[in-house]
Amino acid sequence: MVAVHRNISRQDIIERIQHLSPDISPIPTEVQPQLPRLDDVKAVLFDVYGTLFVSEAGEIGTTESDMHRHAFIDALQSAGFSLTDRNIGNAISRYGELNAAQREWLRAEGIDHPEMDIVALWKDLIEPLRAQGLISGEISQESLQLLAIEYEYRLNKAALMPGFHETLSALQFAQVPFGLISNAQFYSLYLFDAFAGKSVGECGFAPELTSWSFQCRASKPSPIIFQSVLDGLQRLNLEPHQALYVGNDMKNDVHGAARQGMKTALFAGDARSLRLREDDPSLNGSQPDVILTELAQLKVVLGLERL
């Protein structure tokens, strides 16, 4: 695991995520599973939000609303900042503007689907507020990381998806390597510690088959986020078509992975996070090879149901 936290401890992050995420369960969809047997799949890759974890928002979001403004104020206070004036105006709108500006700068660098640097974004937002006397408190790497965590998990509560341990255990027993390709921020890695009780590595995810958007600065469906995993498959003497990518979003997951030559499984196990994108013309003709409504159905698709 990449060491990205210089000040805030691993245990602090885990405890805050747990505290901010009360138990939630997936909401069933009306989608019917399609479970063809795929005998040539030799590796499995997973999305995180909305696939391995129940996610209230489905993915990390920045939408403006009263809920977001309240979460912003509460997050500031929990991260050690004091509000000298609770009427902080349109600060959360500025959050979205800074996010867009950061992504535009990365597009100019040639990244088609940029991923923001969440700590840098919060720094750019908080410094002017303090300079204007609207808030007080120390701006540090630790306080900014805490602020990012407090804000995110007030809006995007998470929980382990049913079937997580059963499915990964079957893959491990069958010696099928598995990894992650996820639009995520630094704190997303700690979902595994917080809810599965193990780190990403301890859960069995192969480092060479794992790619995080915050590290490569590109998000799905960009080919950039898939590239290191394609290289990892090659080192395992596997072709892209021998990998099955599992995700809840028809554009970011199914279409994005299929463009890289992978087989795809749409995870339709939670109505909150299912993204069919039926009005997106760029997806005309895009169909997953598999539709799962429960993670454990993956065992049927791979012929592991007796394991």
Protein backbone atom coordinates (compact mmCIF):
# COMPACT_ATOMS: atom_id res chain seq x y z
CA MET A 1 0.00 0.00 0.00
CA VAL A 2 1.33 3.43 -0.88
CA ALA A 3 2.11 5.56 2.19
CA VAL A 4 0.18 8.76 1.55
CA HIS A 5 -0.52 9.88 5.10
CA ARG A 6 2.28 11.68 6.90
CA ASN A 7 0.34 12.80 9.96
CA ILE A 8 -3.09 11.23 10.38
CA SER A 9 -2.84 7.64 11.58
CA ARG A 10 -4.33 4.61 9.86
CA GLN A 11 -6.38 3.83 12.96
CA ASP A 12 -7.76 7.40 13.07
CA ILE A 13 -9.01 7.06 9.50
CA ILE A 14 -10.58 3.66 10.13
CA GLU A 15 -12.38 4.84 13.26
CA ARG A 16 -13.76 7.97 11.63
CA ILE A 17 -15.09 6.02 8.62
CA GLN A 18 -16.75 3.52 10.95
CA HIS A 19 -18.23 6.27 13.10
CA LEU A 20 -19.67 8.16 10.14
CA SER A 21 -21.15 5.11 8.40
CA PRO A 22 -24.01 3.45 10.28
CA ASP A 23 -25.11 0.06 9.01
CA ILE A 24 -26.84 0.22 5.62
CA SER A 25 -27.99 -2.59 3.34
CA PRO A 26 -28.33 -2.80 -0.44
CA ILE A 27 -31.70 -2.00 -1.99
CA PRO A 28 -32.74 -4.72 -4.49
CA THR A 29 -33.19 -3.77 -8.13
CA GLU A 30 -35.64 -5.09 -10.69
CA VAL A 31 -32.82 -6.22 -12.95
CA GLN A 32 -32.70 -9.96 -13.64
CA PRO A 33 -29.37 -11.78 -13.34
CA GLN A 34 -27.72 -13.27 -16.40
CA LEU A 35 -25.16 -15.87 -15.40
CA PRO A 36 -23.51 -17.57 -18.38
CA ARG A 37 -20.57 -19.83 -17.58
CA LEU A 38 -17.25 -18.18 -18.49
CA ASP A 39 -14.67 -20.95 -18.45
CA ASP A 40 -11.86 -18.87 -19.94
CA VAL A 41 -11.78 -16.21 -17.19
CA LYS A 42 -8.51 -16.46 -15.26
CA ALA A 43 -8.59 -13.18 -13.28
CA VAL A 44 -11.29 -10.96 -11.78
CA LEU A 45 -11.19 -7.19 -11.30
CA PHE A 46 -13.61 -5.23 -9.15
CA ASP A 47 -14.96 -1.73 -8.82
CA VAL A 48 -15.22 -0.53 -5.20
CA TYR A 49 -18.07 1.96 -4.58
CA GLY A 50 -21.44 0.38 -5.34
CA THR A 51 -19.90 -3.03 -6.06
CA LEU A 52 -17.80 -4.33 -3.18
CA PHE A 53 -19.29 -1.73 -0.84
CA VAL A 54 -22.81 -0.46 -0.43
CA SER A 55 -22.54 3.24 -1.15
CA GLU A 56 -25.22 5.86 -0.55
CA ALA A 57 -23.97 8.04 -3.39
CA GLY A 58 -22.66 5.28 -5.64
CA GLU A 59 -19.44 7.21 -6.14
CA ILE A 60 -17.68 10.24 -4.69
CA GLY A 61 -19.74 13.33 -5.44
CA THR A 62 -19.66 17.12 -5.22
CA THR A 63 -23.30 18.10 -5.86
CA GLU A 64 -24.46 21.31 -4.18
CA SER A 65 -27.43 21.07 -1.83
CA ASP A 66 -28.47 22.02 1.70
CA MET A 67 -27.28 18.58 2.79
CA HIS A 68 -23.85 19.30 1.32
CA ARG A 69 -23.62 22.67 3.04
CA HIS A 70 -24.55 21.17 6.41
CA ALA A 71 -22.03 18.39 5.89
CA PHE A 72 -19.41 21.01 5.03
CA ILE A 73 -19.99 22.97 8.25
CA ASP A 74 -20.02 19.83 10.41
CA ALA A 75 -16.89 18.50 8.71
CA LEU A 76 -15.03 21.77 9.32
CA GLN A 77 -15.81 21.63 13.01
CA SER A 78 -14.92 17.95 13.34
CA ALA A 79 -11.58 18.59 11.62
CA GLY A 80 -10.65 21.21 14.21
CA PHE A 81 -11.74 24.44 12.52
CA SER A 82 -13.89 27.05 14.26
CA LEU A 83 -16.47 29.02 12.34
CA THR A 84 -16.38 32.71 13.19
CA ASP A 85 -19.47 33.08 11.01
CA ARG A 86 -21.74 30.12 10.22
CA ASN A 87 -22.99 32.01 7.17
CA ILE A 88 -20.08 31.05 4.93
CA GLY A 89 -21.97 31.90 1.78
CA ASN A 90 -21.39 29.79 -1.29
CA ALA A 91 -18.25 28.04 -0.12
CA ILE A 92 -19.52 24.66 -1.23
CA SER A 93 -20.18 26.09 -4.72
CA ARG A 94 -16.55 27.15 -4.73
CA TYR A 95 -15.64 23.53 -3.94
CA GLY A 96 -17.25 22.50 -7.22
CA GLU A 97 -15.56 25.32 -9.11
CA LEU A 98 -12.13 24.36 -7.79
CA ASN A 99 -12.80 20.73 -8.63
CA ALA A 100 -13.68 21.68 -12.21
CA ALA A 101 -10.63 23.93 -12.53
CA GLN A 102 -8.31 21.19 -11.28
CA ARG A 103 -9.78 18.71 -13.74
CA GLU A 104 -9.48 21.22 -16.60
CA TRP A 105 -5.79 21.69 -15.81
CA LEU A 106 -5.27 17.92 -15.98
CA ARG A 107 -7.16 17.72 -19.29
CA ALA A 108 -4.69 20.24 -20.66
CA GLU A 109 -1.98 17.78 -19.59
CA GLY A 110 -3.58 15.10 -21.75
CA ILE A 111 -5.70 13.21 -19.18
CA ASP A 112 -9.12 12.58 -20.72
CA HIS A 113 -10.96 11.82 -17.46
CA PRO A 114 -9.01 13.59 -14.70
CA GLU A 115 -9.15 12.71 -11.02
CA MET A 116 -8.86 15.49 -8.46
CA ASP A 117 -6.28 15.74 -5.70
CA ILE A 118 -8.76 15.96 -2.82
CA VAL A 119 -6.31 17.34 -0.22
CA ALA A 120 -5.07 20.06 -2.58
CA LEU A 121 -8.67 20.95 -3.40
CA TRP A 122 -9.57 21.40 0.28
CA LYS A 123 -6.45 23.48 0.84
CA ASP A 124 -7.41 25.83 -2.01
CA LEU A 125 -10.90 26.14 -0.55
CA ILE A 126 -10.01 26.62 3.12
CA GLU A 127 -7.14 29.10 2.82
CA PRO A 128 -9.29 31.97 1.43
CA LEU A 129 -11.99 31.30 4.06
CA ARG A 130 -9.43 31.68 6.81
CA ALA A 131 -7.90 34.75 5.15
CA GLN A 132 -11.38 36.34 5.08
CA GLY A 133 -11.82 35.62 8.79
CA LEU A 134 -14.75 33.25 8.21
CA ILE A 135 -13.01 30.31 9.88
CA SER A 136 -10.07 29.85 12.21
CA GLY A 137 -7.80 26.89 12.84
CA GLU A 138 -4.54 25.36 11.70
CA ILE A 139 -4.30 24.32 8.05
CA SER A 140 -2.09 21.23 7.94
CA GLN A 141 -1.85 17.99 6.01
CA GLU A 142 -3.57 16.23 8.91
CA SER A 143 -6.44 18.71 9.25
CA LEU A 144 -7.07 18.68 5.49
CA GLN A 145 -7.09 14.88 5.38
CA LEU A 146 -9.51 14.79 8.30
CA LEU A 147 -11.70 17.38 6.60
CA ALA A 148 -11.83 15.33 3.40
CA ILE A 149 -12.81 12.19 5.34
CA GLU A 150 -15.39 13.96 7.49
CA TYR A 151 -17.07 15.56 4.48
CA GLU A 152 -17.05 12.48 2.26
CA TYR A 153 -18.51 10.01 4.74
CA ARG A 154 -21.19 12.40 5.91
CA LEU A 155 -22.49 12.33 2.34
CA ASN A 156 -21.46 8.90 1.09
CA LYS A 157 -21.99 6.40 3.89
CA ALA A 158 -20.68 2.94 3.12
CA ALA A 159 -20.96 -0.69 4.22
CA LEU A 160 -19.65 -4.05 3.11
CA MET A 161 -21.66 -5.58 0.27
CA PRO A 162 -23.20 -8.97 1.19
CA GLY A 163 -21.20 -11.85 -0.28
CA PHE A 164 -17.87 -10.02 -0.09
CA HIS A 165 -16.01 -12.56 2.07
CA GLU A 166 -17.69 -15.59 0.46
CA THR A 167 -16.78 -14.46 -3.05
CA LEU A 168 -13.18 -13.53 -2.32
CA SER A 169 -12.63 -16.76 -0.38
CA ALA A 170 -13.83 -18.80 -3.37
CA LEU A 171 -11.50 -16.93 -5.71
CA GLN A 172 -8.56 -17.46 -3.36
CA PHE A 173 -9.33 -21.17 -2.94
CA ALA A 174 -9.47 -21.58 -6.73
CA GLN A 175 -6.24 -19.56 -7.07
CA VAL A 176 -7.92 -17.01 -9.33
CA PRO A 177 -6.05 -13.70 -8.92
CA PHE A 178 -8.20 -10.63 -8.35
CA GLY A 179 -7.68 -6.89 -8.20
CA LEU A 180 -9.31 -3.46 -8.12
CA ILE A 181 -9.81 -0.63 -10.59
CA SER A 182 -11.57 2.19 -8.79
CA ASN A 183 -12.41 5.86 -8.94
CA ALA A 184 -11.33 6.68 -5.41
CA GLN A 185 -9.48 8.95 -3.01
CA PHE A 186 -6.83 8.15 -0.38
CA TYR A 187 -9.43 7.28 2.23
CA SER A 188 -11.14 4.71 0.00
CA LEU A 189 -8.41 2.17 0.72
CA TYR A 190 -9.46 2.16 4.37
CA LEU A 191 -12.99 1.01 3.61
CA PHE A 192 -11.53 -2.49 3.62
CA ASP A 193 -9.99 -2.10 7.08
CA ALA A 194 -13.14 -0.42 8.41
CA PHE A 195 -15.72 -2.92 7.17
CA ALA A 196 -13.93 -6.10 6.06
CA GLY A 197 -11.55 -6.06 9.02
CA LYS A 198 -8.54 -6.44 6.74
CA SER A 199 -6.37 -4.20 4.59
CA VAL A 200 -6.58 -4.34 0.80
CA GLY A 201 -3.53 -6.61 0.69
CA GLU A 202 -4.78 -8.84 3.50
CA CYS A 203 -8.06 -9.30 1.60
CA GLY A 204 -6.01 -10.85 -1.21
CA PHE A 205 -6.13 -8.16 -3.90
CA ALA A 206 -3.08 -8.44 -6.11
CA PRO A 207 -1.04 -5.19 -6.20
CA GLU A 208 -0.19 -5.69 -9.89
CA LEU A 209 -3.92 -5.90 -10.65
CA THR A 210 -4.91 -2.85 -8.62
CA SER A 211 -5.26 0.73 -9.85
CA TRP A 212 -6.63 3.75 -7.96
CA SER A 213 -7.67 6.93 -9.75
CA PHE A 214 -6.18 9.24 -7.11
CA GLN A 215 -2.75 7.71 -7.73
CA CYS A 216 -2.73 7.81 -11.54
CA ARG A 217 -4.77 11.08 -11.63
CA ALA A 218 -7.18 9.56 -14.17
CA SER A 219 -10.65 8.14 -13.53
CA LYS A 220 -12.71 5.54 -15.33
CA PRO A 221 -13.48 5.14 -18.16
CA SER A 222 -10.06 6.58 -19.13
CA PRO A 223 -7.68 3.98 -20.59
CA ILE A 224 -5.02 5.44 -18.28
CA ILE A 225 -6.49 3.89 -15.13
CA PHE A 226 -6.66 0.47 -16.78
CA GLN A 227 -3.10 0.47 -18.15
CA SER A 228 -1.17 -0.69 -15.09
CA VAL A 229 -3.61 -3.57 -14.62
CA LEU A 230 -3.26 -4.57 -18.28
CA ASP A 231 0.50 -4.61 -17.69
CA GLY A 232 -0.06 -6.72 -14.58
CA LEU A 233 -2.16 -9.22 -16.54
CA GLN A 234 0.62 -9.48 -19.11
CA ARG A 235 3.14 -10.26 -16.37
CA LEU A 236 0.81 -13.08 -15.29
CA ASN A 237 0.77 -14.32 -18.92
CA LEU A 238 -2.90 -13.44 -19.25
CA GLU A 239 -4.68 -11.66 -22.10
CA PRO A 240 -7.26 -8.91 -21.42
CA HIS A 241 -10.12 -11.19 -22.56
CA GLN A 242 -9.18 -13.62 -19.77
CA ALA A 243 -10.05 -10.97 -17.16
CA LEU A 244 -13.59 -10.23 -15.97
CA TYR A 245 -14.28 -6.72 -14.71
CA VAL A 246 -17.18 -6.33 -12.25
CA GLY A 247 -18.77 -2.91 -11.72
CA ASN A 248 -22.08 -1.12 -11.23
CA ASP A 249 -21.76 1.56 -13.94
CA MET A 250 -22.47 0.83 -17.61
CA LYS A 251 -20.21 3.65 -18.82
CA ASN A 252 -17.34 3.78 -16.36
CA ASP A 253 -17.15 0.05 -15.68
CA VAL A 254 -18.73 -2.03 -18.44
CA HIS A 255 -17.98 0.19 -21.42
CA GLY A 256 -14.61 1.29 -20.05
CA ALA A 257 -13.35 -2.24 -19.41
CA ALA A 258 -14.79 -3.65 -22.64
CA ARG A 259 -12.81 -1.05 -24.60
CA GLN A 260 -9.68 -2.58 -23.06
CA GLY A 261 -10.65 -6.04 -24.29
CA MET A 262 -11.90 -7.36 -20.93
CA LYS A 263 -15.03 -9.35 -20.31
CA THR A 264 -17.51 -7.45 -18.17
CA ALA A 265 -20.08 -8.08 -15.46
CA LEU A 266 -22.63 -5.44 -14.52
CA PHE A 267 -23.28 -5.53 -10.78
CA ALA A 268 -26.97 -4.68 -10.30
CA GLY A 269 -27.22 -5.51 -6.61
CA ASP A 270 -28.10 -2.10 -5.19
CA ALA A 271 -30.59 0.41 -6.58
CA ARG A 272 -28.68 3.31 -4.97
CA SER A 273 -25.59 2.83 -7.07
CA LEU A 274 -26.73 1.07 -10.24
CA ARG A 275 -25.88 3.26 -13.22
CA LEU A 276 -27.51 1.96 -16.41
CA ARG A 277 -26.91 5.21 -18.38
CA GLU A 278 -29.78 4.36 -20.71
CA ASP A 279 -29.85 7.88 -22.17
CA ASP A 280 -26.15 7.94 -23.05
CA PRO A 281 -25.78 7.53 -26.85
CA SER A 282 -22.12 6.60 -26.51
CA LEU A 283 -23.24 3.30 -24.97
CA ASN A 284 -25.42 2.18 -27.88
CA GLY A 285 -24.73 -1.51 -28.38
CA SER A 286 -22.77 -1.88 -25.14
CA GLN A 287 -23.82 -4.99 -23.25
CA PRO A 288 -22.16 -6.76 -20.34
CA ASP A 289 -21.23 -10.41 -20.68
CA VAL A 290 -22.76 -11.08 -17.26
CA ILE A 291 -25.32 -9.41 -14.97
CA LEU A 292 -24.95 -10.06 -11.25
CA THR A 293 -27.50 -9.13 -8.63
CA GLU A 294 -25.45 -10.67 -5.81
CA LEU A 295 -21.67 -10.85 -5.49
CA ALA A 296 -21.78 -14.57 -4.70
CA GLN A 297 -23.31 -15.24 -8.15
CA LEU A 298 -19.81 -14.75 -9.48
CA LYS A 299 -19.07 -18.27 -8.23
CA VAL A 300 -21.72 -19.66 -10.63
CA VAL A 301 -20.28 -17.72 -13.57
CA LEU A 302 -16.78 -19.01 -12.90
CA GLY A 303 -17.80 -22.54 -11.98
CA LEU A 304 -16.80 -22.11 -8.33
CA GLU A 305 -20.24 -22.69 -6.79
CA ARG A 306 -19.11 -25.81 -4.90
CA LEU A 307 -16.08 -24.13 -3.35
